[in-house]
């Protein structure tokens, strides 16, 4: 216990000596430290007052969700928006486009006097800031949280507020115009694709209809959708068959009746009564012949 207290006391003494030595060093080097701090302060103030002011103009561009069929041309929301922004950025910030803006608004006059074109364009690109704005959303397909790009900011640092605003507006118009061209190209490609798909489906439907017609022709009325019609025709045929059977029975009874009358007749050699009986017999034969013919026709129809 005594040893521990001794060690603690030694450390306290050493710490006290270190602080005392640091204070003595500061006192000895006070002029040097004061000079360094003064120089830094003067340089900072001079830079703040002498450095030309920089004005920033910023525009925020919202990204509208495209009405694209899910099963056609849809990627994840974030990657799709980021990809489009990067593609449009590469097209807008081309060498020719940027140099046209530099000449149109007279940018970097002093730098253009003694520097090549590439350095001027590099400074222009450095003064342009593009940042995307992401938010947390729920994916409609997977129902899982994800990051979605809903907008991006476009800013330009210029020598004057008016110039910064004009350049920012020009860049914004270029972005919007290039986006419109990109959407038109995409719409044309999608339209051509859907038109081709519609033609393919039309040909496919025609082929299916031809196959269905062949199947119907081979089935000869045995298809399921014709079941009700076939049942109606069958019931009608059954009713007609019953009627024919009834007519056949009626004619057969009449035939038997006429045959019975014919059997009761006796031949007479002379006199008018014989002629009368002969006339009756002739009518009976005619009736039997007609009845037999009708019976035969009804029988064939019943088959």
C-alpha atoms as a PDB file:
ATOM      1  CA  UNK A   1       0.000   0.000   0.000  1.00  0.00           C
ATOM      2  CA  UNK A   2       2.855   2.326   0.837  1.00  0.00           C
ATOM      3  CA  UNK A   3       4.573   1.515  -2.462  1.00  0.00           C
ATOM      4  CA  UNK A   4       1.417   2.402  -4.437  1.00  0.00           C
ATOM      5  CA  UNK A   5       1.118   5.731  -2.669  1.00  0.00           C
ATOM      6  CA  UNK A   6       4.777   6.471  -3.416  1.00  0.00           C
ATOM      7  CA  UNK A   7       4.310   5.748  -7.137  1.00  0.00           C
ATOM      8  CA  UNK A   8       1.213   8.019  -7.281  1.00  0.00           C
ATOM      9  CA  UNK A   9       3.117  10.816  -5.620  1.00  0.00           C
ATOM     10  CA  UNK A  10       6.020  10.488  -8.088  1.00  0.00           C
ATOM     11  CA  UNK A  11       3.637  10.709 -11.060  1.00  0.00           C
ATOM     12  CA  UNK A  12       1.999  13.826  -9.658  1.00  0.00           C
ATOM     13  CA  UNK A  13       5.403  15.430  -9.247  1.00  0.00           C
ATOM     14  CA  UNK A  14       6.356  14.536 -12.833  1.00  0.00           C
ATOM     15  CA  UNK A  15       3.084  15.973 -14.181  1.00  0.00           C
ATOM     16  CA  UNK A  16       3.681  19.162 -12.252  1.00  0.00           C
ATOM     17  CA  UNK A  17       7.204  19.473 -13.685  1.00  0.00           C
ATOM     18  CA  UNK A  18       5.873  18.913 -17.243  1.00  0.00           C
ATOM     19  CA  UNK A  19       3.295  21.696 -16.925  1.00  0.00           C
ATOM     20  CA  UNK A  20       5.919  23.994 -15.443  1.00  0.00           C
ATOM     21  CA  UNK A  21       8.341  23.255 -18.270  1.00  0.00           C
ATOM     22  CA  UNK A  22       5.625  23.917 -20.901  1.00  0.00           C
ATOM     23  CA  UNK A  23       4.825  27.279 -19.345  1.00  0.00           C
ATOM     24  CA  UNK A  24       8.487  28.232 -19.307  1.00  0.00           C
ATOM     25  CA  UNK A  25       8.815  27.232 -22.982  1.00  0.00           C
ATOM     26  CA  UNK A  26       5.795  29.370 -23.907  1.00  0.00           C
ATOM     27  CA  UNK A  27       7.281  32.346 -22.065  1.00  0.00           C
ATOM     28  CA  UNK A  28      10.595  31.916 -23.831  1.00  0.00           C
ATOM     29  CA  UNK A  29       9.003  31.558 -27.298  1.00  0.00           C
ATOM     30  CA  UNK A  30       6.220  34.058 -26.787  1.00  0.00           C
ATOM     31  CA  UNK A  31       7.532  36.479 -29.436  1.00  0.00           C
ATOM     32  CA  UNK A  32       7.785  33.740 -32.048  1.00  0.00           C
ATOM     33  CA  UNK A  33       4.296  32.380 -31.322  1.00  0.00           C
ATOM     34  CA  UNK A  34       2.823  35.880 -31.399  1.00  0.00           C
ATOM     35  CA  UNK A  35       4.489  36.595 -34.732  1.00  0.00           C
ATOM     36  CA  UNK A  36       3.180  33.375 -36.311  1.00  0.00           C
ATOM     37  CA  UNK A  37      -0.370  33.981 -35.075  1.00  0.00           C
ATOM     38  CA  UNK A  38      -0.244  37.558 -36.316  1.00  0.00           C
ATOM     39  CA  UNK A  39       0.925  36.510 -39.767  1.00  0.00           C
ATOM     40  CA  UNK A  40      -1.820  33.892 -40.065  1.00  0.00           C
ATOM     41  CA  UNK A  41      -4.453  36.416 -38.986  1.00  0.00           C
ATOM     42  CA  UNK A  42      -3.210  39.028 -41.429  1.00  0.00           C
ATOM     43  CA  UNK A  43      -3.120  36.543 -44.294  1.00  0.00           C
ATOM     44  CA  UNK A  44      -6.612  35.331 -43.446  1.00  0.00           C
ATOM     45  CA  UNK A  45      -8.019  38.835 -43.306  1.00  0.00           C
ATOM     46  CA  UNK A  46      -6.257  39.816 -46.510  1.00  0.00           C
ATOM     47  CA  UNK A  47      -7.579  36.745 -48.252  1.00  0.00           C
ATOM     48  CA  UNK A  48     -11.097  37.444 -47.016  1.00  0.00           C
ATOM     49  CA  UNK A  49     -11.037  41.054 -48.220  1.00  0.00           C
ATOM     50  CA  UNK A  50      -8.943  40.713 -51.383  1.00  0.00           C
ATOM     51  CA  UNK A  51     -10.270  37.379 -52.722  1.00  0.00           C
ATOM     52  CA  UNK A  52     -12.914  37.977 -55.370  1.00  0.00           C
ATOM     53  CA  UNK A  53     -16.430  37.098 -54.189  1.00  0.00           C
ATOM     54  CA  UNK A  54     -18.066  33.929 -55.479  1.00  0.00           C
ATOM     55  CA  UNK A  55     -21.809  33.730 -55.991  1.00  0.00           C
ATOM     56  CA  UNK A  56     -23.655  30.443 -56.250  1.00  0.00           C
ATOM     57  CA  UNK A  57     -26.932  29.939 -58.069  1.00  0.00           C
ATOM     58  CA  UNK A  58     -28.757  26.656 -57.540  1.00  0.00           C
ATOM     59  CA  UNK A  59     -31.684  24.963 -59.282  1.00  0.00           C
ATOM     60  CA  UNK A  60     -33.569  21.881 -58.108  1.00  0.00           C
ATOM     61  CA  UNK A  61     -34.946  19.549 -60.775  1.00  0.00           C
ATOM     62  CA  UNK A  62     -37.610  17.045 -59.748  1.00  0.00           C
ATOM     63  CA  UNK A  63     -37.714  13.589 -61.300  1.00  0.00           C
ATOM     64  CA  UNK A  64     -41.134  12.360 -62.355  1.00  0.00           C
ATOM     65  CA  UNK A  65     -41.864   8.662 -62.135  1.00  0.00           C
ATOM     66  CA  UNK A  66     -42.271   7.228 -65.622  1.00  0.00           C
ATOM     67  CA  UNK A  67     -45.378   5.223 -66.534  1.00  0.00           C
ATOM     68  CA  UNK A  68     -43.494   2.221 -67.860  1.00  0.00           C
ATOM     69  CA  UNK A  69     -44.878  -1.298 -67.795  1.00  0.00           C
ATOM     70  CA  UNK A  70     -43.309  -3.291 -65.010  1.00  0.00           C
ATOM     71  CA  UNK A  71     -42.527  -6.294 -67.177  1.00  0.00           C
ATOM     72  CA  UNK A  72     -40.978  -4.313 -70.033  1.00  0.00           C
ATOM     73  CA  UNK A  73     -38.324  -1.762 -69.198  1.00  0.00           C
ATOM     74  CA  UNK A  74     -38.162  -1.261 -65.469  1.00  0.00           C
ATOM     75  CA  UNK A  75     -35.047  -1.313 -63.303  1.00  0.00           C
ATOM     76  CA  UNK A  76     -34.761  -0.337 -59.654  1.00  0.00           C
ATOM     77  CA  UNK A  77     -35.912   3.235 -59.062  1.00  0.00           C
ATOM     78  CA  UNK A  78     -32.585   4.572 -57.816  1.00  0.00           C
ATOM     79  CA  UNK A  79     -30.356   2.976 -60.425  1.00  0.00           C
ATOM     80  CA  UNK A  80     -32.722   3.979 -63.221  1.00  0.00           C
ATOM     81  CA  UNK A  81     -32.791   7.668 -62.166  1.00  0.00           C
ATOM     82  CA  UNK A  82     -29.053   7.806 -61.447  1.00  0.00           C
ATOM     83  CA  UNK A  83     -28.301   6.250 -64.797  1.00  0.00           C
ATOM     84  CA  UNK A  84     -30.463   8.759 -66.648  1.00  0.00           C
ATOM     85  CA  UNK A  85     -28.950  11.712 -64.785  1.00  0.00           C
ATOM     86  CA  UNK A  86     -25.422  10.527 -65.535  1.00  0.00           C
ATOM     87  CA  UNK A  87     -26.251   9.936 -69.204  1.00  0.00           C
ATOM     88  CA  UNK A  88     -27.786  13.393 -69.611  1.00  0.00           C
ATOM     89  CA  UNK A  89     -24.860  14.936 -67.713  1.00  0.00           C
ATOM     90  CA  UNK A  90     -22.358  13.429 -70.134  1.00  0.00           C
ATOM     91  CA  UNK A  91     -24.325  14.767 -73.099  1.00  0.00           C
ATOM     92  CA  UNK A  92     -24.902  18.258 -71.686  1.00  0.00           C
ATOM     93  CA  UNK A  93     -21.374  18.755 -70.358  1.00  0.00           C
ATOM     94  CA  UNK A  94     -19.653  17.917 -73.592  1.00  0.00           C
ATOM     95  CA  UNK A  95     -16.711  20.029 -74.723  1.00  0.00           C
ATOM     96  CA  UNK A  96     -18.630  21.791 -77.482  1.00  0.00           C
ATOM     97  CA  UNK A  97     -21.622  22.562 -75.276  1.00  0.00           C
ATOM     98  CA  UNK A  98     -19.554  23.967 -72.412  1.00  0.00           C
ATOM     99  CA  UNK A  99     -17.365  26.086 -74.683  1.00  0.00           C
ATOM    100  CA  UNK A 100     -20.456  27.565 -76.315  1.00  0.00           C
ATOM    101  CA  UNK A 101     -21.674  28.690 -72.868  1.00  0.00           C
ATOM    102  CA  UNK A 102     -18.241  30.143 -72.022  1.00  0.00           C
ATOM    103  CA  UNK A 103     -18.241  32.251 -75.178  1.00  0.00           C
ATOM    104  CA  UNK A 104     -21.928  33.177 -74.911  1.00  0.00           C
ATOM    105  CA  UNK A 105     -21.613  34.643 -71.398  1.00  0.00           C
ATOM    106  CA  UNK A 106     -17.961  35.739 -71.541  1.00  0.00           C
ATOM    107  CA  UNK A 107     -16.802  33.510 -68.707  1.00  0.00           C
ATOM    108  CA  UNK A 108     -13.215  33.364 -67.334  1.00  0.00           C
ATOM    109  CA  UNK A 109     -11.907  36.334 -69.288  1.00  0.00           C
ATOM    110  CA  UNK A 110      -8.592  36.538 -67.417  1.00  0.00           C
ATOM    111  CA  UNK A 111      -8.051  32.777 -67.514  1.00  0.00           C
ATOM    112  CA  UNK A 112      -8.753  32.635 -71.240  1.00  0.00           C
ATOM    113  CA  UNK A 113      -6.031  35.202 -71.972  1.00  0.00           C
ATOM    114  CA  UNK A 114      -3.141  33.081 -70.780  1.00  0.00           C
ATOM    115  CA  UNK A 115      -4.451  29.517 -70.550  1.00  0.00           C
ATOM    116  CA  UNK A 116      -5.424  26.912 -73.123  1.00  0.00           C
ATOM    117  CA  UNK A 117      -9.021  25.950 -73.777  1.00  0.00           C
ATOM    118  CA  UNK A 118      -8.778  22.718 -71.802  1.00  0.00           C
ATOM    119  CA  UNK A 119      -7.847  24.534 -68.575  1.00  0.00           C
ATOM    120  CA  UNK A 120     -10.751  26.935 -69.026  1.00  0.00           C
ATOM    121  CA  UNK A 121     -13.162  24.033 -69.500  1.00  0.00           C
ATOM    122  CA  UNK A 122     -11.721  22.212 -66.484  1.00  0.00           C
ATOM    123  CA  UNK A 123     -12.335  25.298 -64.337  1.00  0.00           C
ATOM    124  CA  UNK A 124     -15.882  25.549 -65.703  1.00  0.00           C
ATOM    125  CA  UNK A 125     -16.580  21.912 -64.825  1.00  0.00           C
ATOM    126  CA  UNK A 126     -15.101  22.463 -61.353  1.00  0.00           C
ATOM    127  CA  UNK A 127     -17.505  25.357 -60.774  1.00  0.00           C
ATOM    128  CA  UNK A 128     -20.530  23.192 -61.607  1.00  0.00           C
ATOM    129  CA  UNK A 129     -21.961  21.029 -58.827  1.00  0.00           C
ATOM    130  CA  UNK A 130     -24.566  18.311 -59.381  1.00  0.00           C
ATOM    131  CA  UNK A 131     -25.965  16.431 -56.388  1.00  0.00           C
ATOM    132  CA  UNK A 132     -28.788  13.886 -56.292  1.00  0.00           C
ATOM    133  CA  UNK A 133     -31.479  13.917 -53.605  1.00  0.00           C
ATOM    134  CA  UNK A 134     -32.415  10.482 -52.255  1.00  0.00           C
ATOM    135  CA  UNK A 135     -35.225   9.515 -49.908  1.00  0.00           C
ATOM    136  CA  UNK A 136     -36.280   6.278 -48.274  1.00  0.00           C
ATOM    137  CA  UNK A 137     -39.283   4.649 -49.950  1.00  0.00           C
ATOM    138  CA  UNK A 138     -40.922   1.230 -50.110  1.00  0.00           C
ATOM    139  CA  UNK A 139     -40.427  -0.702 -53.337  1.00  0.00           C
ATOM    140  CA  UNK A 140     -43.827  -1.397 -54.926  1.00  0.00           C
ATOM    141  CA  UNK A 141     -42.728  -4.807 -56.205  1.00  0.00           C
ATOM    142  CA  UNK A 142     -40.834  -6.264 -53.259  1.00  0.00           C
ATOM    143  CA  UNK A 143     -42.405  -4.172 -50.438  1.00  0.00           C
ATOM    144  CA  UNK A 144     -38.937  -3.598 -48.972  1.00  0.00           C
ATOM    145  CA  UNK A 145     -37.358  -0.260 -47.950  1.00  0.00           C
ATOM    146  CA  UNK A 146     -34.994   1.223 -50.518  1.00  0.00           C
ATOM    147  CA  UNK A 147     -33.392   4.488 -51.617  1.00  0.00           C
ATOM    148  CA  UNK A 148     -35.094   6.431 -54.411  1.00  0.00           C
ATOM    149  CA  UNK A 149     -33.729   9.424 -56.305  1.00  0.00           C
ATOM    150  CA  UNK A 150     -36.525  11.992 -56.456  1.00  0.00           C
ATOM    151  CA  UNK A 151     -34.569  15.084 -57.585  1.00  0.00           C
ATOM    152  CA  UNK A 152     -31.140  16.563 -58.170  1.00  0.00           C
ATOM    153  CA  UNK A 153     -29.629  20.014 -57.680  1.00  0.00           C
ATOM    154  CA  UNK A 154     -27.632  21.902 -60.285  1.00  0.00           C
ATOM    155  CA  UNK A 155     -25.446  24.787 -59.052  1.00  0.00           C
ATOM    156  CA  UNK A 156     -22.857  27.110 -60.577  1.00  0.00           C
ATOM    157  CA  UNK A 157     -20.332  29.366 -58.828  1.00  0.00           C
ATOM    158  CA  UNK A 158     -19.891  32.636 -60.719  1.00  0.00           C
ATOM    159  CA  UNK A 159     -18.180  35.987 -60.332  1.00  0.00           C
ATOM    160  CA  UNK A 160     -21.475  37.878 -60.098  1.00  0.00           C
ATOM    161  CA  UNK A 161     -24.972  36.883 -58.979  1.00  0.00           C
ATOM    162  CA  UNK A 162     -26.512  37.804 -62.323  1.00  0.00           C
ATOM    163  CA  UNK A 163     -23.944  35.790 -64.269  1.00  0.00           C
ATOM    164  CA  UNK A 164     -24.266  32.797 -61.946  1.00  0.00           C
ATOM    165  CA  UNK A 165     -28.040  32.807 -62.367  1.00  0.00           C
ATOM    166  CA  UNK A 166     -27.859  33.053 -66.165  1.00  0.00           C
ATOM    167  CA  UNK A 167     -25.381  30.191 -66.455  1.00  0.00           C
ATOM    168  CA  UNK A 168     -27.437  28.048 -64.069  1.00  0.00           C
ATOM    169  CA  UNK A 169     -30.586  28.701 -66.106  1.00  0.00           C
ATOM    170  CA  UNK A 170     -28.742  27.814 -69.303  1.00  0.00           C
ATOM    171  CA  UNK A 171     -27.469  24.550 -67.843  1.00  0.00           C
ATOM    172  CA  UNK A 172     -30.945  23.744 -66.484  1.00  0.00           C
ATOM    173  CA  UNK A 173     -32.503  24.315 -69.911  1.00  0.00           C
ATOM    174  CA  UNK A 174     -29.891  22.041 -71.465  1.00  0.00           C
ATOM    175  CA  UNK A 175     -30.624  19.301 -68.943  1.00  0.00           C
ATOM    176  CA  UNK A 176     -34.387  19.560 -69.463  1.00  0.00           C
ATOM    177  CA  UNK A 177     -34.044  19.689 -73.249  1.00  0.00           C
ATOM    178  CA  UNK A 178     -31.765  16.675 -73.361  1.00  0.00           C
ATOM    179  CA  UNK A 179     -34.105  14.824 -71.015  1.00  0.00           C
ATOM    180  CA  UNK A 180     -37.024  15.568 -73.366  1.00  0.00           C
ATOM    181  CA  UNK A 181     -35.049  14.250 -76.338  1.00  0.00           C
ATOM    182  CA  UNK A 182     -34.141  11.139 -74.380  1.00  0.00           C
ATOM    183  CA  UNK A 183     -37.777  10.530 -73.453  1.00  0.00           C
ATOM    184  CA  UNK A 184     -38.869  10.989 -77.068  1.00  0.00           C
ATOM    185  CA  UNK A 185     -36.285   8.458 -78.231  1.00  0.00           C
ATOM    186  CA  UNK A 186     -37.362   6.082 -75.501  1.00  0.00           C
ATOM    187  CA  UNK A 187     -41.035   6.553 -76.415  1.00  0.00           C
ATOM    188  CA  UNK A 188     -40.300   5.826 -80.078  1.00  0.00           C
ATOM    189  CA  UNK A 189     -38.386   2.681 -79.187  1.00  0.00           C
ATOM    190  CA  UNK A 190     -41.148   1.546 -76.828  1.00  0.00           C
ATOM    191  CA  UNK A 191     -43.821   2.265 -79.454  1.00  0.00           C
ATOM    192  CA  UNK A 192     -41.941   0.278 -82.082  1.00  0.00           C
ATOM    193  CA  UNK A 193     -41.466  -2.581 -79.639  1.00  0.00           C
ATOM    194  CA  UNK A 194     -45.144  -2.663 -78.659  1.00  0.00           C
ATOM    195  CA  UNK A 195     -46.200  -2.447 -82.307  1.00  0.00           C
ATOM    196  CA  UNK A 196     -44.028  -5.433 -83.158  1.00  0.00           C
ATOM    197  CA  UNK A 197     -45.416  -7.340 -80.176  1.00  0.00           C
ATOM    198  CA  UNK A 198     -48.980  -6.535 -81.288  1.00  0.00           C
ATOM    199  CA  UNK A 199     -48.260  -7.835 -84.789  1.00  0.00           C
ATOM    200  CA  UNK A 200     -46.733 -11.004 -83.377  1.00  0.00           C
ATOM    201  CA  UNK A 201     -49.780 -11.556 -81.163  1.00  0.00           C
ATOM    202  CA  UNK A 202     -52.121 -10.957 -84.117  1.00  0.00           C
ATOM    203  CA  UNK A 203     -50.304 -13.597 -86.183  1.00  0.00           C
ATOM    204  CA  UNK A 204     -50.386 -15.965 -83.218  1.00  0.00           C
ATOM    205  CA  UNK A 205     -54.136 -15.444 -82.774  1.00  0.00           C
ATOM    206  CA  UNK A 206     -54.750 -16.087 -86.479  1.00  0.00           C
ATOM    207  CA  UNK A 207     -52.780 -19.321 -86.256  1.00  0.00           C
ATOM    208  CA  UNK A 208     -54.769 -20.414 -83.194  1.00  0.00           C
ATOM    209  CA  UNK A 209     -58.074 -19.592 -84.882  1.00  0.00           C
ATOM    210  CA  UNK A 210     -57.053 -21.671 -87.907  1.00  0.00           C
ATOM    211  CA  UNK A 211     -56.203 -24.608 -85.652  1.00  0.00           C
ATOM    212  CA  UNK A 212     -59.526 -24.253 -83.822  1.00  0.00           C
ATOM    213  CA  UNK A 213     -61.419 -24.247 -87.127  1.00  0.00           C
ATOM    214  CA  UNK A 214     -59.649 -27.453 -88.188  1.00  0.00           C
ATOM    215  CA  UNK A 215     -60.466 -29.109 -84.853  1.00  0.00           C
ATOM    216  CA  UNK A 216     -64.126 -28.099 -85.142  1.00  0.00           C
ATOM    217  CA  UNK A 217     -64.296 -29.466 -88.660  1.00  0.00           C
ATOM    218  CA  UNK A 218     -62.799 -32.785 -87.589  1.00  0.00           C
ATOM    219  CA  UNK A 219     -65.001 -33.003 -84.493  1.00  0.00           C
ATOM    220  CA  UNK A 220     -68.149 -32.579 -86.629  1.00  0.00           C
ATOM    221  CA  UNK A 221     -70.318 -31.088 -83.913  1.00  0.00           C
ATOM    222  CA  UNK A 222     -68.835 -33.005 -80.985  1.00  0.00           C
ATOM    223  CA  UNK A 223     -67.234 -30.013 -79.322  1.00  0.00           C
ATOM    224  CA  UNK A 224     -68.255 -29.105 -75.751  1.00  0.00           C
ATOM    225  CA  UNK A 225     -69.689 -25.721 -76.721  1.00  0.00           C
ATOM    226  CA  UNK A 226     -72.126 -27.487 -79.098  1.00  0.00           C
ATOM    227  CA  UNK A 227     -73.526 -29.825 -76.414  1.00  0.00           C
ATOM    228  CA  UNK A 228     -76.614 -27.737 -75.718  1.00  0.00           C
ATOM    229  CA  UNK A 229     -77.403 -27.387 -79.426  1.00  0.00           C
ATOM    230  CA  UNK A 230     -76.942 -31.109 -79.937  1.00  0.00           C
ATOM    231  CA  UNK A 231     -79.282 -31.882 -77.043  1.00  0.00           C
ATOM    232  CA  UNK A 232     -81.939 -29.602 -78.511  1.00  0.00           C
ATOM    233  CA  UNK A 233     -81.646 -31.289 -81.900  1.00  0.00           C
ATOM    234  CA  UNK A 234     -81.810 -34.729 -80.241  1.00  0.00           C
ATOM    235  CA  UNK A 235     -84.983 -33.823 -78.328  1.00  0.00           C
ATOM    236  CA  UNK A 236     -86.555 -32.494 -81.509  1.00  0.00           C
ATOM    237  CA  UNK A 237     -85.680 -35.729 -83.347  1.00  0.00           C
ATOM    238  CA  UNK A 238     -87.206 -37.776 -80.512  1.00  0.00           C
ATOM    239  CA  UNK A 239     -90.462 -35.830 -80.751  1.00  0.00           C
ATOM    240  CA  UNK A 240     -90.563 -36.271 -84.527  1.00  0.00           C
ATOM    241  CA  UNK A 241     -89.933 -40.019 -84.111  1.00  0.00           C
ATOM    242  CA  UNK A 242     -92.875 -40.312 -81.684  1.00  0.00           C
ATOM    243  CA  UNK A 243     -95.129 -38.494 -84.150  1.00  0.00           C
ATOM    244  CA  UNK A 244     -94.022 -40.781 -86.989  1.00  0.00           C
ATOM    245  CA  UNK A 245     -94.657 -43.896 -84.887  1.00  0.00           C
ATOM    246  CA  UNK A 246     -98.155 -42.637 -84.061  1.00  0.00           C
ATOM    247  CA  UNK A 247     -98.885 -41.999 -87.757  1.00  0.00           C
ATOM    248  CA  UNK A 248     -97.594 -45.457 -88.681  1.00  0.00           C
ATOM    249  CA  UNK A 249     -99.883 -47.137 -86.144  1.00  0.00           C
ATOM    250  CA  UNK A 250    -102.855 -45.110 -87.368  1.00  0.00           C
ATOM    251  CA  UNK A 251    -102.208 -46.039 -90.990  1.00  0.00           C
ATOM    252  CA  UNK A 252    -101.724 -49.700 -90.145  1.00  0.00           C
ATOM    253  CA  UNK A 253    -105.093 -49.735 -88.360  1.00  0.00           C
ATOM    254  CA  UNK A 254    -106.731 -48.105 -91.377  1.00  0.00           C
ATOM    255  CA  UNK A 255    -105.038 -50.665 -93.650  1.00  0.00           C
ATOM    256  CA  UNK A 256    -106.424 -53.538 -91.598  1.00  0.00           C
ATOM    257  CA  UNK A 257    -109.870 -51.967 -91.652  1.00  0.00           C
ATOM    258  CA  UNK A 258    -109.815 -51.625 -95.434  1.00  0.00           C
ATOM    259  CA  UNK A 259    -108.524 -55.165 -95.869  1.00  0.00           C
ATOM    260  CA  UNK A 260    -111.450 -56.397 -93.707  1.00  0.00           C
ATOM    261  CA  UNK A 261    -113.957 -54.547 -95.863  1.00  0.00           C
ATOM    262  CA  UNK A 262    -112.370 -55.959 -99.013  1.00  0.00           C
ATOM    263  CA  UNK A 263    -112.661 -59.533 -97.671  1.00  0.00           C
ATOM    264  CA  UNK A 264    -116.405 -59.166 -97.102  1.00  0.00           C
ATOM    265  CA  UNK A 265    -117.075 -58.202-100.706  1.00  0.00           C
ATOM    266  CA  UNK A 266    -118.317 -60.971-103.129  1.00  0.00           C
ATOM    267  CA  UNK A 267    -118.082 -60.832-106.957  1.00  0.00           C
ATOM    268  CA  UNK A 268    -121.443 -60.343-108.823  1.00  0.00           C
ATOM    269  CA  UNK A 269    -121.759 -61.270-112.496  1.00  0.00           C
ATOM    270  CA  UNK A 270    -124.627 -59.022-113.742  1.00  0.00           C
ATOM    271  CA  UNK A 271    -126.719 -56.099-112.681  1.00  0.00           C
ATOM    272  CA  UNK A 272    -126.048 -52.663-111.321  1.00  0.00           C
ATOM    273  CA  UNK A 273    -125.384 -53.787-107.729  1.00  0.00           C
ATOM    274  CA  UNK A 274    -122.369 -55.667-109.001  1.00  0.00           C
ATOM    275  CA  UNK A 275    -121.037 -52.541-110.607  1.00  0.00           C
ATOM    276  CA  UNK A 276    -121.486 -50.675-107.331  1.00  0.00           C
ATOM    277  CA  UNK A 277    -119.583 -53.366-105.398  1.00  0.00           C
ATOM    278  CA  UNK A 278    -116.830 -53.341-108.012  1.00  0.00           C
ATOM    279  CA  UNK A 279    -116.483 -49.574-107.534  1.00  0.00           C
ATOM    280  CA  UNK A 280    -116.181 -49.999-103.774  1.00  0.00           C
ATOM    281  CA  UNK A 281    -113.505 -52.656-104.217  1.00  0.00           C
ATOM    282  CA  UNK A 282    -111.541 -50.389-106.533  1.00  0.00           C
ATOM    283  CA  UNK A 283    -111.580 -47.569-103.942  1.00  0.00           C
ATOM    284  CA  UNK A 284    -110.470 -49.995-101.265  1.00  0.00           C
ATOM    285  CA  UNK A 285    -107.494 -51.095-103.374  1.00  0.00           C
ATOM    286  CA  UNK A 286    -106.545 -47.468-104.021  1.00  0.00           C
ATOM    287  CA  UNK A 287    -106.751 -46.675-100.291  1.00  0.00           C
ATOM    288  CA  UNK A 288    -104.613 -49.663 -99.425  1.00  0.00           C
ATOM    289  CA  UNK A 289    -101.975 -48.653-101.964  1.00  0.00           C
ATOM    290  CA  UNK A 290    -101.853 -45.061-100.690  1.00  0.00           C
ATOM    291  CA  UNK A 291    -101.717 -46.215 -97.091  1.00  0.00           C
ATOM    292  CA  UNK A 292     -98.905 -48.634 -97.800  1.00  0.00           C
ATOM    293  CA  UNK A 293     -96.909 -45.920 -99.597  1.00  0.00           C
ATOM    294  CA  UNK A 294     -97.332 -43.471 -96.712  1.00  0.00           C
ATOM    295  CA  UNK A 295     -96.401 -46.122 -94.157  1.00  0.00           C
ATOM    296  CA  UNK A 296     -93.224 -46.916 -96.090  1.00  0.00           C
ATOM    297  CA  UNK A 297     -92.291 -43.209 -96.289  1.00  0.00           C
ATOM    298  CA  UNK A 298     -92.814 -42.651 -92.569  1.00  0.00           C
ATOM    299  CA  UNK A 299     -90.787 -45.742 -91.755  1.00  0.00           C
ATOM    300  CA  UNK A 300     -87.862 -44.506 -93.840  1.00  0.00           C
ATOM    301  CA  UNK A 301     -88.096 -41.089 -92.208  1.00  0.00           C
ATOM    302  CA  UNK A 302     -88.076 -42.677 -88.780  1.00  0.00           C
ATOM    303  CA  UNK A 303     -84.831 -44.478 -89.606  1.00  0.00           C
END
